[in-house]
Amino acid sequence: MSTAEVVAGFARLISGARPRWVGCRPVPSQRIYFANHSSHLDAVVLWALLPPGLRAVTRPVAARDYWMAGPVRRHLALKAFNAVLVDRVPNFQQHPLEELHAALRQGESLILFPEGGRLRAQGVAEFRPGLWHLAQEHPEVELIPVYLRFFDRVLPRGSHFPVPLLTDVVFGAPLAAVTGEAREAFLVRARESILRLGAT
């Protein structure tokens, strides 16, 4: 059994996560799964819930400073779930989305959290513009909203050990393209698609 399979199985076990595909099916289309963000486990569990074939071509986007802090996290990020690591502090030597664009050009899918960081309060924060830029340059890629419920209770802020708890992961319908849509309107519509899933 590979490291990726072990990590995926462990992530599903400790989170108790159940996938609900209410607006799409787990089919081999190139996608950006974009979700609300409340725990360091979010990306790992969402990735783990994908069928093995999709998991193999889907890369979570994660904070470089967190996942490169120590050999275990580094091994998991680079060898288990093949994360695209990004700098939370601007790096003026490289465009912050360049590695994401590169992954999409190679035919890979992404798991993205448009809020940017984990939210301290309940709710979904306003989206940063990265998702809009990716959608503009890669219009052929499906944008799938995902709502993660109760993940902040599995690995609370400041905790180093997960607490087993039944969680819910809801995959919605692809976000439709709107010709000529302004960036702000797109980001509001994308955020609202997640909020609607949260009410299901």
Protein backbone atom coordinates (compact mmCIF):
# COMPACT_ATOMS: atom_id res chain seq x y z
CA MET A 1 0.00 0.00 0.00
CA SER A 2 1.40 3.41 -0.98
CA THR A 3 1.95 6.35 1.38
CA ALA A 4 -0.84 8.23 -0.37
CA GLU A 5 -3.33 5.40 0.24
CA VAL A 6 -2.35 5.15 3.91
CA VAL A 7 -2.70 8.91 4.41
CA ALA A 8 -6.05 8.98 2.61
CA GLY A 9 -7.41 6.13 4.71
CA PHE A 10 -6.22 7.71 7.94
CA ALA A 11 -7.71 11.10 7.00
CA ARG A 12 -11.10 9.54 6.31
CA LEU A 13 -10.95 7.58 9.58
CA ILE A 14 -10.06 10.43 11.93
CA SER A 15 -12.44 12.91 10.33
CA GLY A 16 -15.40 10.56 9.89
CA ALA A 17 -15.98 12.52 6.70
CA ARG A 18 -18.76 11.55 4.33
CA PRO A 19 -18.83 12.88 0.76
CA ARG A 20 -22.15 14.05 -0.66
CA TRP A 21 -22.17 14.67 -4.40
CA VAL A 22 -25.33 16.77 -4.75
CA GLY A 23 -24.57 18.78 -7.88
CA CYS A 24 -21.94 16.77 -9.73
CA ARG A 25 -20.44 13.31 -9.88
CA PRO A 26 -16.84 12.15 -9.27
CA VAL A 27 -15.94 11.94 -12.95
CA PRO A 28 -12.50 12.37 -14.56
CA SER A 29 -12.92 16.02 -15.59
CA GLN A 30 -10.24 18.60 -14.89
CA ARG A 31 -11.52 20.67 -11.99
CA ILE A 32 -10.78 23.26 -9.36
CA TYR A 33 -12.52 22.20 -6.15
CA PHE A 34 -12.93 25.41 -4.11
CA ALA A 35 -14.06 25.25 -0.50
CA ASN A 36 -14.47 27.08 2.79
CA HIS A 37 -11.48 26.82 5.11
CA SER A 38 -11.39 26.27 8.88
CA SER A 39 -8.77 23.57 9.61
CA HIS A 40 -5.37 22.33 8.44
CA LEU A 41 -7.14 19.04 7.72
CA ASP A 42 -9.46 20.58 5.12
CA ALA A 43 -7.28 19.99 2.07
CA VAL A 44 -6.13 16.54 3.16
CA VAL A 45 -9.63 15.20 3.88
CA LEU A 46 -11.19 16.69 0.76
CA TRP A 47 -8.40 15.10 -1.29
CA ALA A 48 -8.81 11.79 0.57
CA LEU A 49 -12.54 11.62 -0.27
CA LEU A 50 -11.92 11.65 -4.00
CA PRO A 51 -11.88 8.26 -5.74
CA PRO A 52 -8.29 6.98 -6.22
CA GLY A 53 -8.21 7.82 -9.93
CA LEU A 54 -9.21 11.43 -9.31
CA ARG A 55 -7.00 11.71 -6.24
CA ALA A 56 -3.96 10.81 -8.30
CA VAL A 57 -4.41 13.87 -10.55
CA THR A 58 -5.72 16.33 -7.94
CA ARG A 59 -3.32 18.52 -5.96
CA PRO A 60 -4.25 20.46 -2.81
CA VAL A 61 -3.02 24.05 -2.67
CA ALA A 62 -1.46 24.60 0.77
CA ALA A 63 0.65 27.05 2.74
CA ARG A 64 4.36 26.42 2.26
CA ASP A 65 5.39 27.67 5.72
CA TYR A 66 3.04 25.22 7.49
CA TRP A 67 3.68 22.11 5.42
CA MET A 68 7.44 22.57 5.16
CA ALA A 69 7.80 22.96 8.94
CA GLY A 70 9.37 19.64 9.89
CA PRO A 71 10.21 16.40 8.08
CA VAL A 72 6.84 14.66 8.65
CA ARG A 73 4.72 17.48 7.23
CA ARG A 74 7.19 17.97 4.40
CA HIS A 75 7.05 14.28 3.48
CA LEU A 76 3.25 14.24 3.55
CA ALA A 77 2.92 17.37 1.44
CA LEU A 78 5.48 16.40 -1.19
CA LYS A 79 5.25 12.61 -1.29
CA ALA A 80 1.75 11.68 -0.13
CA PHE A 81 -0.66 14.23 -1.58
CA ASN A 82 1.66 16.12 -3.94
CA ALA A 83 0.54 19.55 -2.76
CA VAL A 84 1.11 22.77 -4.64
CA LEU A 85 2.81 24.85 -1.94
CA VAL A 86 2.35 28.61 -2.01
CA ASP A 87 3.87 31.43 0.00
CA ARG A 88 1.52 33.35 2.25
CA VAL A 89 4.07 36.19 2.27
CA PRO A 90 4.42 37.76 -1.21
CA ASN A 91 7.44 36.57 -3.18
CA PHE A 92 8.37 39.22 -5.73
CA GLN A 93 10.57 36.80 -7.69
CA GLN A 94 7.57 34.74 -8.82
CA HIS A 95 3.90 35.40 -9.52
CA PRO A 96 1.93 33.91 -6.58
CA LEU A 97 -0.31 31.86 -8.91
CA GLU A 98 2.39 30.63 -11.30
CA GLU A 99 2.63 27.12 -9.83
CA LEU A 100 -1.16 26.80 -9.91
CA HIS A 101 -1.29 27.85 -13.55
CA ALA A 102 1.48 25.35 -14.32
CA ALA A 103 -0.42 22.50 -12.66
CA LEU A 104 -3.57 23.31 -14.63
CA ARG A 105 -1.63 23.55 -17.90
CA GLN A 106 -0.35 20.02 -17.18
CA GLY A 107 -3.92 18.74 -16.93
CA GLU A 108 -4.02 18.40 -13.14
CA SER A 109 -6.92 19.40 -10.90
CA LEU A 110 -6.61 21.59 -7.80
CA ILE A 111 -8.14 21.94 -4.35
CA LEU A 112 -8.25 25.63 -3.45
CA PHE A 113 -9.44 27.73 -0.51
CA PRO A 114 -10.33 31.20 -1.86
CA GLU A 115 -10.62 32.76 1.61
CA GLY A 116 -6.84 32.52 1.77
CA GLY A 117 -6.55 31.49 5.42
CA ARG A 118 -8.52 29.71 8.08
CA LEU A 119 -11.42 31.75 9.40
CA ARG A 120 -11.50 32.43 13.15
CA ALA A 121 -15.23 33.11 13.27
CA GLN A 122 -18.09 31.06 11.91
CA GLY A 123 -19.03 31.66 8.32
CA VAL A 124 -17.26 32.10 4.99
CA ALA A 125 -15.00 35.11 4.49
CA GLU A 126 -14.87 37.15 1.30
CA PHE A 127 -12.91 35.47 -1.47
CA ARG A 128 -9.51 36.64 -2.65
CA PRO A 129 -9.12 37.11 -6.41
CA GLY A 130 -6.97 34.03 -7.14
CA LEU A 131 -9.92 31.84 -8.17
CA TRP A 132 -11.08 34.50 -10.65
CA HIS A 133 -7.63 34.73 -12.25
CA LEU A 134 -7.45 30.95 -12.63
CA ALA A 135 -10.94 30.80 -14.12
CA GLN A 136 -10.08 33.54 -16.61
CA GLU A 137 -6.95 31.81 -17.88
CA HIS A 138 -8.36 28.25 -17.79
CA PRO A 139 -12.02 28.49 -18.87
CA GLU A 140 -12.07 24.78 -19.79
CA VAL A 141 -11.58 23.75 -16.14
CA GLU A 142 -14.74 23.05 -14.12
CA LEU A 143 -15.16 25.05 -10.92
CA ILE A 144 -16.73 22.85 -8.23
CA PRO A 145 -17.89 24.46 -4.95
CA VAL A 146 -17.40 22.31 -1.86
CA TYR A 147 -18.78 22.93 1.63
CA LEU A 148 -16.89 21.49 4.61
CA ARG A 149 -18.99 21.16 7.76
CA PHE A 150 -17.60 20.81 11.33
CA PHE A 151 -13.94 20.62 10.27
CA ASP A 152 -13.00 23.34 12.76
CA ARG A 153 -14.01 20.91 15.52
CA VAL A 154 -11.85 18.02 14.24
CA LEU A 155 -8.60 19.98 14.48
CA PRO A 156 -9.33 23.19 16.44
CA ARG A 157 -6.97 26.14 16.05
CA GLY A 158 -3.88 25.57 18.21
CA SER A 159 -4.48 21.83 18.51
CA HIS A 160 -1.89 19.29 17.32
CA PHE A 161 -4.10 16.21 17.51
CA PRO A 162 -7.38 15.60 15.65
CA VAL A 163 -10.59 14.77 17.49
CA PRO A 164 -12.64 12.06 15.70
CA LEU A 165 -15.99 13.52 14.68
CA LEU A 166 -18.50 12.94 11.91
CA THR A 167 -18.05 15.66 9.31
CA ASP A 168 -19.78 16.48 6.08
CA VAL A 169 -18.29 17.33 2.66
CA VAL A 170 -20.82 18.53 0.08
CA PHE A 171 -19.81 18.77 -3.59
CA GLY A 172 -22.01 21.15 -5.58
CA ALA A 173 -22.80 21.85 -9.22
CA PRO A 174 -20.11 23.43 -11.42
CA LEU A 175 -20.08 27.21 -11.32
CA ALA A 176 -21.43 28.38 -14.66
CA ALA A 177 -19.45 30.83 -16.77
CA VAL A 178 -20.98 34.27 -17.31
CA THR A 179 -19.69 36.22 -20.32
CA GLY A 180 -18.17 39.56 -19.38
CA GLU A 181 -18.68 39.05 -15.65
CA ALA A 182 -16.67 41.44 -13.48
CA ARG A 183 -14.21 40.03 -10.95
CA GLU A 184 -16.16 41.24 -7.91
CA ALA A 185 -19.43 39.76 -9.18
CA PHE A 186 -17.73 36.43 -9.91
CA LEU A 187 -16.20 36.22 -6.43
CA VAL A 188 -19.53 37.03 -4.77
CA ARG A 189 -21.28 34.39 -6.87
CA ALA A 190 -18.61 31.78 -6.10
CA ARG A 191 -18.83 32.49 -2.36
CA GLU A 192 -22.63 32.30 -2.44
CA SER A 193 -22.45 28.89 -4.13
CA ILE A 194 -20.63 27.57 -1.06
CA LEU A 195 -23.03 29.26 1.34
CA ARG A 196 -25.98 27.58 -0.41
CA LEU A 197 -24.33 24.20 -0.01
CA GLY A 198 -23.93 24.92 3.69
CA ALA A 199 -27.67 25.28 3.99
CA THR A 200 -28.36 21.83 2.52
